[in-house]
Protein backbone atom coordinates (compact mmCIF):
# COMPACT_ATOMS: atom_id res chain seq x y z
CA TYR A 1 34.67 -33.30 -4.38
CA ALA A 2 32.93 -30.77 -2.15
CA LEU A 3 30.67 -31.88 0.67
CA ASP A 4 27.15 -30.47 0.35
CA ASP A 5 25.75 -28.19 3.07
CA GLU A 6 23.75 -31.04 4.60
CA GLY A 7 26.95 -33.09 4.92
CA GLY A 8 25.69 -36.31 3.34
CA THR A 9 26.68 -36.05 -0.31
CA LEU A 10 29.89 -35.26 -2.15
CA ARG A 11 29.50 -33.46 -5.45
CA LEU A 12 32.18 -33.72 -8.09
CA LEU A 13 33.74 -30.34 -8.83
CA THR A 14 36.28 -31.38 -11.43
CA GLN A 15 37.89 -34.45 -12.97
CA HIS A 16 40.55 -35.28 -15.51
CA SER A 17 40.95 -38.20 -17.92
CA LEU A 18 37.89 -40.16 -16.80
CA SER A 19 35.24 -41.65 -19.06
CA GLN A 20 31.76 -40.15 -18.98
CA GLU A 21 30.36 -43.50 -17.80
CA PHE A 22 32.70 -43.49 -14.82
CA VAL A 23 31.98 -39.85 -13.99
CA HIS A 24 28.27 -40.67 -14.04
CA GLN A 25 28.88 -43.45 -11.48
CA ILE A 26 30.95 -41.31 -9.10
CA SER A 27 28.89 -38.15 -9.07
CA PRO A 28 27.21 -37.44 -6.75
CA LEU A 29 28.87 -39.71 -4.20
CA PRO A 30 27.20 -40.52 -0.88
CA LEU A 31 29.59 -39.84 2.00
CA GLU A 32 28.40 -42.74 4.14
CA GLY A 33 30.50 -45.84 3.53
CA SER A 34 32.73 -44.11 0.98
CA VAL A 35 36.52 -44.02 0.79
CA VAL A 36 36.20 -40.33 1.63
CA GLU A 37 34.49 -41.16 4.92
CA GLN A 38 37.22 -43.68 5.73
CA ALA A 39 39.99 -41.17 4.97
CA ALA A 40 38.18 -38.47 6.96
CA LEU A 41 38.07 -40.77 10.00
CA THR A 42 41.87 -41.06 9.96
CA GLY A 43 42.33 -37.39 9.02
CA HIS A 44 45.03 -38.29 6.50
CA PRO A 45 45.35 -39.55 2.92
CA GLU A 46 44.54 -43.22 2.44
CA VAL A 47 45.87 -45.48 -0.32
CA TRP A 48 44.16 -48.59 -1.71
CA GLN A 49 45.13 -51.06 -4.40
CA THR A 50 42.16 -51.84 -6.63
CA GLU A 51 41.94 -55.46 -5.49
CA VAL A 52 41.25 -54.32 -1.91
CA PHE A 53 39.24 -51.21 -2.81
CA PRO A 54 36.65 -50.90 0.00
CA GLU A 55 33.72 -49.53 -2.01
CA ILE A 56 32.28 -52.70 -3.48
CA ALA A 57 29.65 -50.86 -5.55
CA LEU A 58 32.28 -48.72 -7.28
CA LYS A 59 35.07 -51.31 -7.41
CA ARG A 60 34.01 -52.77 -10.78
CA TRP A 61 33.83 -49.26 -12.27
CA VAL A 62 37.30 -48.47 -10.93
CA VAL A 63 38.62 -51.70 -12.47
CA ARG A 64 36.78 -51.03 -15.77
CA GLU A 65 38.37 -47.56 -15.86
CA GLY A 66 41.81 -49.22 -15.67
CA ILE A 67 42.70 -47.77 -12.28
CA GLU A 68 45.01 -49.92 -10.16
CA GLN A 69 45.56 -47.61 -7.20
CA VAL A 70 43.35 -45.04 -5.46
CA ILE A 71 44.51 -42.30 -3.10
CA CYS A 72 41.86 -40.39 -1.18
CA VAL A 73 42.90 -37.11 0.43
CA PRO A 74 40.32 -35.68 2.86
CA LEU A 75 39.88 -31.90 2.79
CA LEU A 76 39.63 -30.92 6.43
CA VAL A 77 39.25 -27.51 8.05
CA LYS A 78 39.64 -27.47 11.83
CA GLY A 79 38.92 -31.18 11.86
CA LYS A 80 35.71 -30.79 9.82
CA LEU A 81 35.39 -32.53 6.46
CA VAL A 82 34.57 -30.11 3.61
CA GLY A 83 35.46 -32.35 0.67
CA ALA A 84 38.12 -34.63 -0.78
CA PHE A 85 40.29 -35.15 -3.75
CA ILE A 86 40.77 -38.62 -5.10
CA LEU A 87 43.65 -39.65 -7.29
CA GLY A 88 43.60 -42.76 -9.42
CA ALA A 89 46.72 -44.33 -10.90
CA ARG A 90 46.65 -46.66 -13.85
CA ARG A 91 49.80 -48.35 -12.46
CA ALA A 92 50.17 -49.04 -8.75
CA ARG A 93 53.41 -47.97 -7.06
CA PRO A 94 54.63 -47.37 -3.53
CA ILE A 95 53.85 -43.91 -2.16
CA THR A 96 56.76 -42.39 -0.22
CA PRO A 97 56.31 -40.73 3.16
CA GLU A 98 57.30 -37.41 1.56
CA GLU A 99 54.57 -37.80 -1.06
CA MET A 100 52.05 -38.63 1.68
CA SER A 101 53.10 -35.50 3.59
CA LEU A 102 52.73 -33.43 0.43
CA LEU A 103 49.26 -34.87 -0.21
CA ASP A 104 48.29 -34.22 3.42
CA ALA A 105 49.49 -30.59 3.25
CA SER A 106 47.78 -30.11 -0.12
CA GLY A 107 44.54 -31.46 1.33
CA GLN A 108 44.71 -28.96 4.17
CA GLN A 109 45.35 -26.04 1.81
CA ILE A 110 42.64 -27.07 -0.64
CA GLY A 111 40.27 -27.63 2.29
CA VAL A 112 40.79 -24.04 3.41
CA ALA A 113 40.16 -22.82 -0.16
CA VAL A 114 36.95 -24.90 -0.46
CA GLU A 115 35.72 -23.63 2.92
CA ASN A 116 36.54 -20.02 1.99
CA ALA A 117 34.59 -20.41 -1.26
CA ARG A 118 31.63 -21.81 0.69
CA LEU A 119 31.77 -18.96 3.22
CA TYR A 120 32.03 -16.40 0.41
CA ARG A 121 28.98 -17.91 -1.31
CA GLN A 122 27.13 -17.88 2.02
CA ALA A 123 28.10 -14.23 2.62
CA GLU A 124 26.83 -13.28 -0.84
CA GLU A 125 23.50 -15.01 -0.15
CA THR A 126 23.21 -13.27 3.22
CA ALA A 127 23.98 -9.89 1.63
CA ALA A 128 21.34 -10.48 -1.07
CA ILE A 129 18.72 -11.37 1.56
CA ALA A 130 19.63 -8.28 3.61
CA GLU A 131 19.34 -6.06 0.52
CA ARG A 132 15.96 -7.56 -0.40
CA THR A 133 14.76 -6.97 3.15
CA ARG A 134 15.97 -3.35 3.07
CA LEU A 135 14.25 -2.71 -0.27
CA ALA A 136 11.03 -4.34 0.96
CA ARG A 137 11.12 -2.13 4.06
CA GLU A 138 11.70 0.99 1.94
CA LEU A 139 8.91 -0.05 -0.39
CA HIS A 140 6.59 -0.54 2.55
CA ASP A 141 7.61 2.66 4.32
CA SER A 142 7.57 5.08 1.39
CA VAL A 143 5.47 3.82 -1.51
CA THR A 144 2.80 2.18 0.63
CA GLN A 145 2.28 5.43 2.55
CA SER A 146 2.13 7.41 -0.69
CA LEU A 147 -0.48 5.05 -2.13
CA TYR A 148 -2.49 5.29 1.10
CA SER A 149 -2.35 9.10 0.74
CA VAL A 150 -3.58 8.80 -2.84
CA THR A 151 -6.64 6.83 -1.69
CA LEU A 152 -7.37 9.42 1.02
CA PHE A 153 -7.12 12.30 -1.50
CA ALA A 154 -9.37 10.38 -3.91
CA GLU A 155 -12.03 9.77 -1.20
CA ALA A 156 -11.86 13.38 -0.02
CA SER A 157 -12.16 14.65 -3.61
CA ALA A 158 -15.20 12.45 -4.24
CA ARG A 159 -16.90 13.82 -1.10
CA LEU A 160 -16.06 17.42 -2.05
CA LEU A 161 -17.42 16.89 -5.58
CA ALA A 162 -20.61 15.40 -4.13
CA MET A 163 -21.01 18.52 -1.96
CA GLY A 164 -20.33 20.82 -4.92
CA GLU A 165 -17.02 22.17 -3.61
CA TYR A 166 -15.27 22.02 -6.96
CA SER A 167 -12.30 24.28 -6.15
CA ASN A 168 -11.39 22.27 -3.02
CA ALA A 169 -11.87 19.03 -4.96
CA ALA A 170 -9.56 20.34 -7.72
CA ALA A 171 -6.88 21.19 -5.10
CA ASN A 172 -7.18 17.66 -3.65
CA LEU A 173 -6.91 16.15 -7.14
CA ARG A 174 -3.75 18.21 -7.81
CA GLU A 175 -2.34 16.95 -4.48
CA LEU A 176 -3.37 13.42 -5.47
CA GLY A 177 -1.45 13.77 -8.77
CA ASP A 178 1.66 15.11 -7.02
CA THR A 179 1.59 12.27 -4.48
CA ALA A 180 1.15 9.69 -7.25
CA GLN A 181 4.13 11.22 -9.13
CA ASP A 182 6.25 11.01 -5.95
CA ALA A 183 5.26 7.36 -5.50
CA LEU A 184 6.12 6.65 -9.14
CA GLN A 185 9.56 8.24 -8.75
CA GLU A 186 10.16 6.28 -5.56
CA MET A 187 9.16 3.04 -7.31
CA ARG A 188 11.50 3.79 -10.23
CA LEU A 189 14.33 4.41 -7.77
CA LEU A 190 13.67 1.14 -5.93
CA ILE A 191 13.44 -0.77 -9.22
CA PHE A 192 16.73 0.80 -10.31
CA GLU A 193 18.30 -0.32 -7.01
CA LEU A 194 16.98 -3.84 -7.58
């Protein structure tokens, strides 16, 4: 499970050998009152036999799935919960201290990987926003000014035509066409960048 950005819901990232009915019941999983929250409070893996499984709402689904033992490993980074992995055993057995240490170390390593993936996704989103902002600024600075120039040339040409100054109006219209072509090229470049 990975903890959502708001910190209240765990979303299932992957599972193995579980029925679709069970997966539907455990995804998404609210953090509050969950075995994940309990394990996160201790900062270490927690083990429960099904008969004393603390999540009453999910207990019958765990039993129906044929799981006798549940191990919840919190994924912590610098003391902050980022997710969890939960193991279910169809036959309960004692967990050795070495196995608990291995689960604890695995949880720390996976926690770092989950946090790195989240930070990478966040960096990508930030980069995309920065690029959109840059393109919007370029669009405003270059193309907007060109289009404003086009309107000025058009107004000036209309006045010159009204006064009968056809050669000056023709020069303005040529300038208008060149400016419009420049704006078109700039737009194509910005669209290509997008």
